[in-house]
N, C-alpha and C. Protein backbone atom coordinates (compact mmCIF):
# COMPACT_ATOMS: atom_id res chain seq x y z
N UNK A 1 13.91 -0.90 28.62
CA UNK A 1 14.11 -2.23 27.95
C UNK A 1 13.91 -3.01 28.83
N UNK A 2 13.11 -4.02 28.71
CA UNK A 2 12.88 -5.18 29.91
C UNK A 2 14.23 -6.22 29.48
N UNK A 3 14.54 -6.53 31.14
CA UNK A 3 15.93 -7.21 31.06
C UNK A 3 15.71 -8.62 30.40
N UNK A 4 16.88 -9.42 29.66
CA UNK A 4 16.44 -10.67 29.42
C UNK A 4 16.62 -11.73 30.49
N UNK A 5 15.80 -12.68 30.27
CA UNK A 5 15.79 -13.92 31.15
C UNK A 5 17.34 -14.53 31.05
N UNK A 6 17.57 -15.19 32.40
CA UNK A 6 19.05 -16.20 32.48
C UNK A 6 18.73 -17.53 31.74
N UNK A 7 19.70 -18.00 30.91
CA UNK A 7 19.40 -19.46 30.59
C UNK A 7 19.57 -19.69 29.14
N UNK A 8 19.51 -20.84 28.78
CA UNK A 8 19.41 -21.16 27.15
C UNK A 8 18.73 -20.75 26.14
N UNK A 9 17.67 -19.84 26.46
CA UNK A 9 16.52 -19.10 25.84
C UNK A 9 16.49 -17.57 25.55
N UNK A 10 17.59 -17.38 26.64
CA UNK A 10 17.69 -15.80 26.66
C UNK A 10 17.81 -14.99 25.20
N UNK A 11 18.70 -15.62 24.26
CA UNK A 11 19.25 -15.09 23.13
C UNK A 11 17.75 -14.87 22.28
N UNK A 12 16.58 -15.99 22.37
CA UNK A 12 15.42 -15.97 21.78
C UNK A 12 14.72 -14.58 21.84
N UNK A 13 14.78 -14.24 23.52
CA UNK A 13 13.94 -13.13 23.87
C UNK A 13 14.79 -11.87 23.32
N UNK A 14 15.98 -12.14 23.06
CA UNK A 14 16.87 -10.94 22.82
C UNK A 14 16.36 -10.57 20.93
N UNK A 15 16.13 -11.55 20.51
CA UNK A 15 15.85 -11.65 18.95
C UNK A 15 14.51 -10.70 19.07
N UNK A 16 13.60 -11.39 19.84
CA UNK A 16 12.15 -11.03 19.83
C UNK A 16 11.79 -9.54 20.00
N UNK A 17 12.83 -9.12 21.32
CA UNK A 17 12.71 -7.58 21.52
C UNK A 17 13.35 -6.81 20.19
N UNK A 18 14.29 -7.18 19.50
CA UNK A 18 14.80 -6.44 18.36
C UNK A 18 13.62 -6.04 17.39
N UNK A 19 12.89 -7.46 17.26
CA UNK A 19 11.78 -7.14 15.97
C UNK A 19 10.45 -7.21 16.32
N UNK A 20 10.01 -7.38 17.79
CA UNK A 20 8.91 -7.15 18.06
C UNK A 20 8.21 -6.06 18.81
N UNK A 21 7.45 -5.32 18.32
CA UNK A 21 6.87 -3.89 18.98
C UNK A 21 6.47 -4.38 20.63
N UNK A 22 5.68 -5.73 20.65
CA UNK A 22 5.20 -5.69 21.92
C UNK A 22 5.84 -6.32 22.75
N UNK A 23 7.13 -7.09 22.47
CA UNK A 23 8.30 -7.27 23.30
C UNK A 23 9.21 -6.16 23.73
N UNK A 24 8.96 -4.95 23.27
CA UNK A 24 10.18 -3.85 23.99
C UNK A 24 8.87 -3.04 24.59
N UNK A 25 9.34 -1.63 24.44
CA UNK A 25 8.86 -0.53 25.12
C UNK A 25 8.43 0.60 24.07
N UNK A 26 7.70 1.47 24.28
CA UNK A 26 7.61 2.38 23.31
C UNK A 26 6.68 2.51 21.80
N UNK A 27 6.01 1.27 22.05
CA UNK A 27 5.23 0.79 20.91
C UNK A 27 6.02 0.37 19.70
N UNK A 28 7.27 0.32 19.74
CA UNK A 28 8.26 0.28 18.54
C UNK A 28 9.00 -0.90 18.82
N UNK A 29 9.42 -1.86 17.77
CA UNK A 29 10.21 -2.77 17.83
C UNK A 29 12.15 -2.22 18.13
N UNK A 30 13.01 -2.58 18.89
CA UNK A 30 14.09 -1.95 19.12
C UNK A 30 14.64 -1.54 17.69
N UNK A 31 14.69 -2.33 16.59
CA UNK A 31 15.16 -2.31 15.54
C UNK A 31 14.46 -0.69 14.85
N UNK A 32 13.31 -0.27 15.37
CA UNK A 32 12.72 0.48 14.64
C UNK A 32 12.72 1.69 15.54
N UNK A 33 13.51 2.10 16.89
CA UNK A 33 13.66 3.19 17.70
C UNK A 33 14.28 4.46 17.34
N UNK A 34 13.64 5.57 17.45
CA UNK A 34 14.26 6.62 17.12
C UNK A 34 15.51 6.90 17.62
N UNK A 35 16.66 7.08 17.02
CA UNK A 35 18.05 7.30 17.49
C UNK A 35 18.11 8.24 18.68
N UNK A 36 17.54 9.29 19.23
CA UNK A 36 17.50 9.66 20.45
C UNK A 36 17.14 8.96 21.56
N UNK A 37 16.46 8.08 21.19
CA UNK A 37 15.91 7.10 22.44
C UNK A 37 17.08 6.50 22.74
N UNK A 38 18.36 6.27 22.23
CA UNK A 38 19.39 5.31 22.90
C UNK A 38 20.77 5.96 22.49
N UNK A 39 20.62 7.19 22.15
CA UNK A 39 22.12 7.82 22.10
C UNK A 39 22.29 9.23 23.05
N UNK A 40 23.35 10.01 23.19
CA UNK A 40 23.42 11.14 23.87
C UNK A 40 23.15 10.66 25.19
N UNK A 41 22.22 11.30 25.93
CA UNK A 41 22.22 11.18 27.35
C UNK A 41 21.55 9.59 27.48
N UNK A 42 21.10 9.18 26.72
CA UNK A 42 20.07 7.59 27.04
C UNK A 42 21.15 6.52 26.52
N UNK A 43 22.20 6.96 26.27
CA UNK A 43 23.33 5.97 25.77
C UNK A 43 23.34 4.84 26.79
N UNK A 44 23.88 5.40 28.13
CA UNK A 44 24.20 4.54 29.01
C UNK A 44 22.79 3.86 29.68
N UNK A 45 21.83 4.58 29.35
CA UNK A 45 20.37 3.46 29.82
C UNK A 45 19.80 2.56 28.96
N UNK A 46 19.80 3.00 27.94
CA UNK A 46 18.95 2.06 26.75
C UNK A 46 20.25 1.91 25.53
N UNK A 47 21.01 2.25 25.48
CA UNK A 47 22.12 2.43 24.05
C UNK A 47 22.70 0.90 24.50
N UNK A 48 23.33 0.67 25.37
CA UNK A 48 24.03 -0.64 25.90
C UNK A 48 22.96 -1.69 25.59
N UNK A 49 21.77 -1.63 26.25
CA UNK A 49 21.00 -2.90 26.02
C UNK A 49 20.68 -3.27 24.57
N UNK A 50 20.15 -2.19 23.91
CA UNK A 50 19.77 -2.00 22.72
C UNK A 50 20.78 -2.87 21.82
N UNK A 51 22.22 -2.35 21.73
CA UNK A 51 23.13 -2.69 21.05
C UNK A 51 23.33 -4.28 21.33
N UNK A 52 23.20 -4.58 22.64
CA UNK A 52 23.41 -6.52 22.91
C UNK A 52 22.36 -7.13 21.83
N UNK A 53 21.07 -6.46 21.93
CA UNK A 53 20.20 -7.14 21.20
C UNK A 53 20.14 -7.01 19.44
N UNK A 54 20.69 -5.91 19.34
CA UNK A 54 21.24 -5.70 17.71
C UNK A 54 22.18 -6.83 17.17
N UNK A 55 23.13 -6.95 18.15
CA UNK A 55 24.53 -7.69 17.50
C UNK A 55 23.84 -9.28 17.53
N UNK A 56 22.90 -9.67 18.66
CA UNK A 56 22.53 -11.29 18.48
C UNK A 56 21.81 -11.07 17.33
N UNK A 57 20.74 -10.44 17.21
CA UNK A 57 19.59 -10.61 16.20
C UNK A 57 20.32 -10.56 14.87
N UNK A 58 21.21 -9.39 14.73
CA UNK A 58 21.80 -9.58 13.28
C UNK A 58 22.84 -10.50 13.02
N UNK A 59 23.35 -11.21 14.06
CA UNK A 59 23.88 -12.46 13.86
C UNK A 59 23.26 -13.37 13.40
N UNK A 60 22.04 -13.71 13.77
CA UNK A 60 21.03 -14.71 13.75
C UNK A 60 20.26 -14.71 12.38
N UNK A 61 19.93 -13.27 12.04
CA UNK A 61 19.55 -12.89 10.38
C UNK A 61 20.69 -13.45 9.50
N UNK A 62 22.07 -13.18 9.77
CA UNK A 62 23.32 -13.55 8.89
C UNK A 62 23.21 -15.36 8.93
N UNK A 63 23.04 -15.90 9.69
CA UNK A 63 22.73 -17.26 9.48
C UNK A 63 21.15 -17.71 9.17
N UNK A 64 20.73 -17.02 8.37
CA UNK A 64 19.54 -17.31 7.56
C UNK A 64 18.09 -17.43 8.78
N UNK A 65 18.29 -16.91 10.06
CA UNK A 65 17.66 -17.14 11.14
C UNK A 65 17.05 -18.63 11.30
N UNK A 66 18.19 -19.62 11.25
CA UNK A 66 18.38 -20.84 11.09
C UNK A 66 18.68 -21.33 12.58
N UNK A 67 17.93 -21.59 13.75
CA UNK A 67 18.02 -21.80 15.14
C UNK A 67 19.20 -22.94 15.36
N UNK A 68 19.04 -23.89 14.38
CA UNK A 68 19.99 -24.91 14.69
C UNK A 68 21.54 -24.76 14.26
N UNK A 69 21.43 -23.79 13.09
CA UNK A 69 22.89 -23.39 12.46
C UNK A 69 23.33 -22.31 13.48
N UNK A 70 22.39 -21.48 13.91
CA UNK A 70 22.94 -20.52 14.98
C UNK A 70 23.82 -20.93 16.31
N UNK A 71 22.88 -22.09 16.61
CA UNK A 71 23.47 -22.56 18.03
C UNK A 71 24.66 -23.63 17.72
N UNK A 72 24.74 -24.33 16.53
CA UNK A 72 25.91 -24.78 16.41
C UNK A 72 26.97 -23.84 15.95
N UNK A 73 26.88 -22.80 15.67
CA UNK A 73 28.02 -21.90 15.57
C UNK A 73 28.05 -21.11 16.68
N UNK A 74 27.14 -21.00 17.55
CA UNK A 74 27.55 -20.26 19.04
C UNK A 74 27.09 -21.07 20.27
N UNK A 75 27.53 -22.03 20.29
CA UNK A 75 27.02 -22.97 21.44
C UNK A 75 27.06 -21.86 23.00
N UNK A 76 27.51 -21.05 22.76
CA UNK A 76 27.64 -20.26 24.26
C UNK A 76 26.17 -19.92 24.56
N UNK A 77 25.40 -19.66 23.31
CA UNK A 77 23.93 -18.97 23.63
C UNK A 77 22.91 -20.09 24.54
N UNK A 78 23.52 -21.29 24.57
CA UNK A 78 22.74 -22.06 25.63
C UNK A 78 23.23 -22.00 27.39
N UNK A 79 24.43 -20.74 27.16
CA UNK A 79 24.64 -20.51 28.60
C UNK A 79 24.18 -19.45 28.92
N UNK A 80 23.84 -18.50 28.08
CA UNK A 80 23.30 -16.73 28.21
C UNK A 80 23.85 -15.90 27.35
N UNK A 81 22.98 -14.76 27.60
CA UNK A 81 23.36 -13.86 26.96
C UNK A 81 24.91 -13.27 26.69
N UNK A 82 25.49 -13.12 27.92
CA UNK A 82 26.59 -12.62 27.79
C UNK A 82 27.85 -13.27 27.32
N UNK A 83 27.60 -14.63 27.56
CA UNK A 83 28.86 -15.68 26.84
C UNK A 83 28.33 -15.49 25.45
N UNK A 84 27.08 -15.56 25.13
CA UNK A 84 26.81 -15.44 23.54
C UNK A 84 27.55 -14.08 22.94
N UNK A 85 27.05 -12.99 23.60
CA UNK A 85 27.51 -11.62 23.15
C UNK A 85 29.19 -11.56 23.06
N UNK A 86 29.87 -12.18 23.97
CA UNK A 86 31.29 -12.04 23.76
C UNK A 86 31.80 -12.84 22.99
N UNK A 87 31.16 -14.05 22.59
CA UNK A 87 31.46 -14.89 21.51
C UNK A 87 31.35 -14.09 20.10
N UNK A 88 30.31 -13.58 19.87
CA UNK A 88 29.97 -12.88 18.74
C UNK A 88 31.01 -11.88 18.44
N UNK A 89 31.34 -10.82 19.69
CA UNK A 89 32.07 -9.81 19.66
C UNK A 89 33.57 -10.39 19.01
């Protein structure tokens, strides 16, 4: 799973990797990965990265994929993925 960039647009990349096969690896969007790709022995390699993207994407979907509403609810997104992930948790 490619690393996320730093900065205010990193959360957009997380959502894109979650849903776009071209933004991920293995020819599948992260949401469509086979379970064995991110569990068991792969848990520490890909499981954590996949989960961060899943949490951010699901929260974005729950806010009707409205970027303005998302950023209003989670201004931490402008500081990067870690502050955003922590705020969502």
